[in-house]
Amino acid sequence: MTGFWRDFLTGLTDLLFPPSVRCAVCGRETAHPTLAFCPTCLSRLPFLTPPLCSRCGRLLRLATRREICPECERERLFFSRARAVCLYDGPARAYLQEVKIRRSLVLARALAGLLARYAREESGLFRAYAVIVPVPLHRERETERGFNQAAVMATAVGEALRRPVLDGILIRTRPTEAQRRLDRRERRENVQGAFRVTMPAALAGRRILLLDDILTTGYTASECARAMLRAGAVEIGVLTLTNGSLEENWSTGGENR
């Protein structure tokens, strides 16, 4: 049998009897082959719902009249706005730890598919961005892990939005500590000046969508944005799989009236 007919018959068989797709978390067959999650594991994710900060996309207290959270009012960040799919809590936190600590590329790709679906469904939020850039790992950490989860997610989102992904145009110039181990002041200092654009002409005059797995304080995304703005980009938006909730966004003190 020739290669053509073998491929043809294989394709026909897949159409008539689709191969089972197993959940990237629990291994059970899933009813959502495009997401690679079973309904149970998918339903455990803490998806973000309004009210959200119009700038950073973090959760706001239900009774608030604010549109921008206190953090965004106080902090000087270099990206224009950020959006995320899930709260960095519970299963979402556990799934990302599985990706980073146990180096699960299968789960990284499943999470990338989830992010890509969100980007496709909310494409109006991202239409203005011409190029997608993943937040880079330092080369030593990427070699150790075997992949950069932000780049995996950027590739999936690029396909969903039909936008080019420029992986490698933004580099991390030195190793940095994991942000989760540091306090707020240390987090800012940890990433300050840690990123550089290798080909400024590719970004000049363009709006860039920065991709990462998590946004907490926003300092990493802001430093990446600052490097790209210095290289000539006109605006930086941020899309992440998760973001962290800030307790002060839930307090009643200092509310606008």
Protein backbone atom coordinates (compact mmCIF):
# COMPACT_ATOMS: atom_id res chain seq x y z
CA MET A 1 0.00 0.00 0.00
CA THR A 2 1.39 3.38 -0.96
CA GLY A 3 1.91 6.14 1.58
CA PHE A 4 -0.91 8.18 0.01
CA TRP A 5 -3.54 5.45 0.39
CA ARG A 6 -2.30 4.50 3.86
CA ASP A 7 -2.67 8.10 5.00
CA PHE A 8 -6.06 8.37 3.27
CA LEU A 9 -7.44 5.25 4.97
CA THR A 10 -6.04 6.33 8.34
CA GLY A 11 -7.75 9.70 7.98
CA LEU A 12 -11.03 8.06 6.97
CA THR A 13 -10.86 5.71 9.96
CA ASP A 14 -10.27 8.64 12.31
CA LEU A 15 -13.36 10.38 10.92
CA LEU A 16 -15.57 7.32 11.35
CA PHE A 17 -14.04 6.16 14.64
CA PRO A 18 -12.37 9.16 16.30
CA PRO A 19 -9.41 8.25 18.52
CA SER A 20 -10.13 8.69 22.23
CA VAL A 21 -8.57 11.77 23.78
CA ARG A 22 -7.49 11.39 27.38
CA CYS A 23 -7.65 14.11 29.97
CA ALA A 24 -4.24 15.70 30.49
CA VAL A 25 -4.85 15.76 34.27
CA CYS A 26 -6.51 12.49 35.28
CA GLY A 27 -6.01 10.35 32.18
CA ARG A 28 -9.70 9.58 31.66
CA GLU A 29 -11.30 9.90 28.24
CA THR A 30 -12.65 13.37 27.70
CA ALA A 31 -15.78 14.73 26.04
CA HIS A 32 -13.81 17.83 25.01
CA PRO A 33 -11.13 16.64 22.55
CA THR A 34 -10.17 20.19 21.59
CA LEU A 35 -9.46 21.09 25.23
CA ALA A 36 -7.89 17.80 26.41
CA PHE A 37 -9.67 18.05 29.77
CA CYS A 38 -12.45 15.83 31.07
CA PRO A 39 -15.56 17.67 32.32
CA THR A 40 -14.63 17.03 35.96
CA CYS A 41 -11.10 18.44 35.76
CA LEU A 42 -12.30 21.35 33.63
CA SER A 43 -15.08 22.23 36.09
CA ARG A 44 -12.57 22.44 38.95
CA LEU A 45 -10.78 25.39 37.39
CA PRO A 46 -11.60 28.75 39.06
CA PHE A 47 -12.56 30.71 35.94
CA LEU A 48 -12.57 34.47 36.37
CA THR A 49 -15.90 36.27 36.18
CA PRO A 50 -16.76 39.97 36.68
CA PRO A 51 -16.30 42.27 38.40
CA LEU A 52 -12.70 42.53 37.23
CA CYS A 53 -10.23 45.40 37.21
CA SER A 54 -10.44 46.99 33.77
CA ARG A 55 -6.66 47.30 33.63
CA CYS A 56 -5.08 44.20 35.18
CA GLY A 57 -8.05 41.82 35.01
CA ARG A 58 -7.87 40.83 38.70
CA LEU A 59 -10.98 40.08 40.71
CA LEU A 60 -12.70 42.96 42.47
CA ARG A 61 -15.06 42.75 45.42
CA LEU A 62 -18.65 42.18 44.29
CA ALA A 63 -20.01 45.31 45.97
CA THR A 64 -17.29 47.63 44.70
CA ARG A 65 -17.93 50.64 42.49
CA ARG A 66 -14.38 50.65 41.25
CA GLU A 67 -13.36 49.91 37.70
CA ILE A 68 -9.63 49.93 38.51
CA CYS A 69 -8.21 48.10 41.52
CA PRO A 70 -6.15 49.92 44.20
CA GLU A 71 -3.02 48.14 42.98
CA CYS A 72 -3.32 49.61 39.49
CA GLU A 73 -4.07 53.05 40.91
CA ARG A 74 -0.88 52.93 42.96
CA GLU A 75 1.62 51.02 40.80
CA ARG A 76 3.45 52.29 37.74
CA LEU A 77 3.32 49.43 35.26
CA PHE A 78 4.34 49.60 31.62
CA PHE A 79 1.65 47.44 30.00
CA SER A 80 -1.70 48.93 29.02
CA ARG A 81 -3.94 46.13 30.27
CA ALA A 82 -3.93 42.45 31.16
CA ARG A 83 -6.43 39.62 30.95
CA ALA A 84 -6.45 36.08 32.35
CA VAL A 85 -8.67 33.02 32.21
CA CYS A 86 -8.44 31.62 35.75
CA LEU A 87 -7.63 32.66 39.28
CA TYR A 88 -4.25 31.34 40.41
CA ASP A 89 -5.71 29.15 43.12
CA GLY A 90 -6.65 25.55 43.83
CA PRO A 91 -6.53 23.28 40.76
CA ALA A 92 -5.19 26.06 38.49
CA ARG A 93 -2.21 26.49 40.81
CA ALA A 94 -1.76 22.71 41.02
CA TYR A 95 -1.89 22.30 37.23
CA LEU A 96 0.79 24.95 36.71
CA GLN A 97 2.98 23.41 39.39
CA GLU A 98 2.68 20.11 37.55
CA VAL A 99 3.90 21.87 34.41
CA LYS A 100 6.81 23.65 36.09
CA ILE A 101 7.99 21.22 38.75
CA ARG A 102 7.20 17.90 37.07
CA ARG A 103 7.83 19.30 33.58
CA SER A 104 4.58 18.05 32.09
CA LEU A 105 4.59 19.18 28.46
CA VAL A 106 1.29 17.32 27.88
CA LEU A 107 -0.45 19.43 30.52
CA ALA A 108 1.28 22.59 29.28
CA ARG A 109 -0.19 21.98 25.82
CA ALA A 110 -3.64 21.31 27.28
CA LEU A 111 -3.54 24.57 29.24
CA ALA A 112 -2.31 26.33 26.10
CA GLY A 113 -5.38 25.02 24.28
CA LEU A 114 -7.61 26.42 27.01
CA LEU A 115 -5.95 29.82 26.73
CA ALA A 116 -6.20 29.72 22.92
CA ARG A 117 -9.92 29.01 23.10
CA TYR A 118 -10.41 32.00 25.40
CA ALA A 119 -8.41 34.20 23.02
CA ARG A 120 -10.50 33.03 20.08
CA GLU A 121 -13.81 33.61 21.86
CA GLU A 122 -12.69 37.04 23.12
CA SER A 123 -10.83 37.94 19.92
CA GLY A 124 -12.20 41.48 19.98
CA LEU A 125 -10.01 42.22 23.01
CA PHE A 126 -6.87 41.26 21.10
CA ARG A 127 -7.55 42.40 17.53
CA ALA A 128 -5.30 45.45 17.82
CA TYR A 129 -2.18 43.42 18.63
CA ALA A 130 -0.06 42.56 15.63
CA VAL A 131 2.53 40.31 17.24
CA ILE A 132 2.64 37.82 20.13
CA VAL A 133 5.73 37.55 22.33
CA PRO A 134 6.16 34.98 25.15
CA VAL A 135 7.83 35.91 28.42
CA PRO A 136 11.22 34.21 28.17
CA LEU A 137 12.91 31.87 30.62
CA HIS A 138 16.64 32.16 31.13
CA ARG A 139 18.34 29.65 28.84
CA GLU A 140 19.62 27.61 31.79
CA ARG A 141 16.14 27.18 33.26
CA GLU A 142 14.60 26.40 29.88
CA THR A 143 17.25 23.75 29.25
CA GLU A 144 16.57 22.26 32.68
CA ARG A 145 12.79 22.17 32.18
CA GLY A 146 12.94 21.21 28.51
CA PHE A 147 10.45 23.85 27.34
CA ASN A 148 9.12 27.31 28.10
CA GLN A 149 5.44 27.04 29.01
CA ALA A 150 4.87 30.67 27.98
CA ALA A 151 6.16 29.87 24.48
CA VAL A 152 3.90 26.79 24.29
CA MET A 153 0.92 28.99 25.17
CA ALA A 154 1.99 31.75 22.79
CA THR A 155 2.11 29.29 19.89
CA ALA A 156 -1.44 28.11 20.57
CA VAL A 157 -2.77 31.66 20.95
CA GLY A 158 -0.95 32.74 17.79
CA GLU A 159 -2.74 30.02 15.83
CA ALA A 160 -6.09 31.00 17.38
CA LEU A 161 -5.68 34.70 16.61
CA ARG A 162 -3.73 34.21 13.38
CA ARG A 163 -0.90 36.35 14.63
CA PRO A 164 2.85 35.70 14.31
CA VAL A 165 4.72 34.59 17.41
CA LEU A 166 8.19 36.06 17.89
CA ASP A 167 9.83 33.62 20.28
CA GLY A 168 13.41 34.63 21.06
CA ILE A 169 13.05 38.31 20.24
CA LEU A 170 12.77 39.05 23.97
CA ILE A 171 15.43 37.41 26.13
CA ARG A 172 16.12 37.17 29.85
CA THR A 173 19.65 38.49 30.25
CA ARG A 174 20.38 36.91 33.62
CA PRO A 175 18.96 34.19 35.87
CA THR A 176 16.32 35.46 38.31
CA GLU A 177 14.86 33.97 41.46
CA ALA A 178 11.39 32.44 41.34
CA GLN A 179 9.05 35.32 42.14
CA ARG A 180 6.88 33.19 44.45
CA ARG A 181 9.72 33.05 46.99
CA LEU A 182 10.07 36.83 47.28
CA ASP A 183 8.22 39.69 48.90
CA ARG A 184 6.88 42.62 46.89
CA ARG A 185 10.02 44.78 47.04
CA GLU A 186 12.26 41.82 46.23
CA ARG A 187 10.06 40.85 43.28
CA ARG A 188 10.45 44.26 41.70
CA GLU A 189 14.23 44.27 42.20
CA ASN A 190 14.53 40.67 41.03
CA VAL A 191 13.34 41.39 37.47
CA GLN A 192 14.50 44.99 37.09
CA GLY A 193 16.54 45.27 33.89
CA ALA A 194 16.40 41.51 33.32
CA PHE A 195 15.01 41.61 29.75
CA ARG A 196 16.33 42.78 26.40
CA VAL A 197 14.96 42.89 22.85
CA THR A 198 17.28 41.28 20.30
CA MET A 199 15.72 42.77 17.13
CA PRO A 200 14.09 46.15 17.85
CA ALA A 201 13.07 46.68 14.23
CA ALA A 202 10.64 43.74 14.47
CA LEU A 203 8.70 45.49 17.23
CA ALA A 204 9.00 49.14 16.21
CA GLY A 205 5.64 50.84 15.72
CA ARG A 206 3.64 47.73 16.61
CA ARG A 207 1.22 46.70 19.36
CA ILE A 208 2.47 43.59 21.15
CA LEU A 209 0.56 40.92 23.08
CA LEU A 210 2.78 39.49 25.82
CA LEU A 211 2.02 35.88 26.86
CA ASP A 212 2.74 34.21 30.19
CA ASP A 213 1.27 31.58 32.50
CA ILE A 214 0.63 33.83 35.52
CA LEU A 215 0.39 37.48 36.53
CA THR A 216 0.73 38.25 40.25
CA THR A 217 2.27 41.63 41.08
CA GLY A 218 2.72 42.33 37.36
CA TYR A 219 6.39 43.26 37.78
CA THR A 220 7.70 40.63 35.36
CA ALA A 221 5.19 41.61 32.67
CA SER A 222 5.94 45.29 33.30
CA GLU A 223 9.70 44.83 32.89
CA CYS A 224 9.13 42.90 29.66
CA ALA A 225 6.83 45.69 28.47
CA ARG A 226 9.37 48.36 29.36
CA ALA A 227 12.07 46.59 27.33
CA MET A 228 9.76 46.34 24.31
CA LEU A 229 8.59 49.95 24.58
CA ARG A 230 12.21 51.07 24.65
CA ALA A 231 12.72 49.03 21.49
CA GLY A 232 9.99 51.03 19.73
CA ALA A 233 6.76 49.13 20.39
CA VAL A 234 3.79 51.46 20.81
CA GLU A 235 1.68 49.43 23.25
CA ILE A 236 1.92 46.21 25.25
CA GLY A 237 -1.07 44.10 26.29
CA VAL A 238 -0.76 41.02 28.48
CA LEU A 239 -2.59 37.70 28.31
CA THR A 240 -1.99 35.03 30.94
CA LEU A 241 -3.62 31.76 31.87
CA THR A 242 -3.99 32.85 35.50
CA ASN A 243 -3.68 35.86 37.74
CA GLY A 244 -3.37 36.23 41.48
CA SER A 245 -6.00 37.80 43.69
CA LEU A 246 -4.90 40.68 45.93
CA GLU A 247 -6.52 40.82 49.37
CA GLU A 248 -6.70 44.61 49.35
CA ASN A 249 -9.02 44.43 46.33
CA TRP A 250 -11.56 42.77 48.64
CA SER A 251 -11.33 45.23 51.54
CA THR A 252 -13.96 47.87 52.14
CA GLY A 253 -11.52 50.63 53.09
CA GLY A 254 -10.84 53.48 50.69
CA GLU A 255 -13.71 52.67 48.35
CA ASN A 256 -14.77 55.29 45.83
CA ARG A 257 -18.21 56.71 46.59
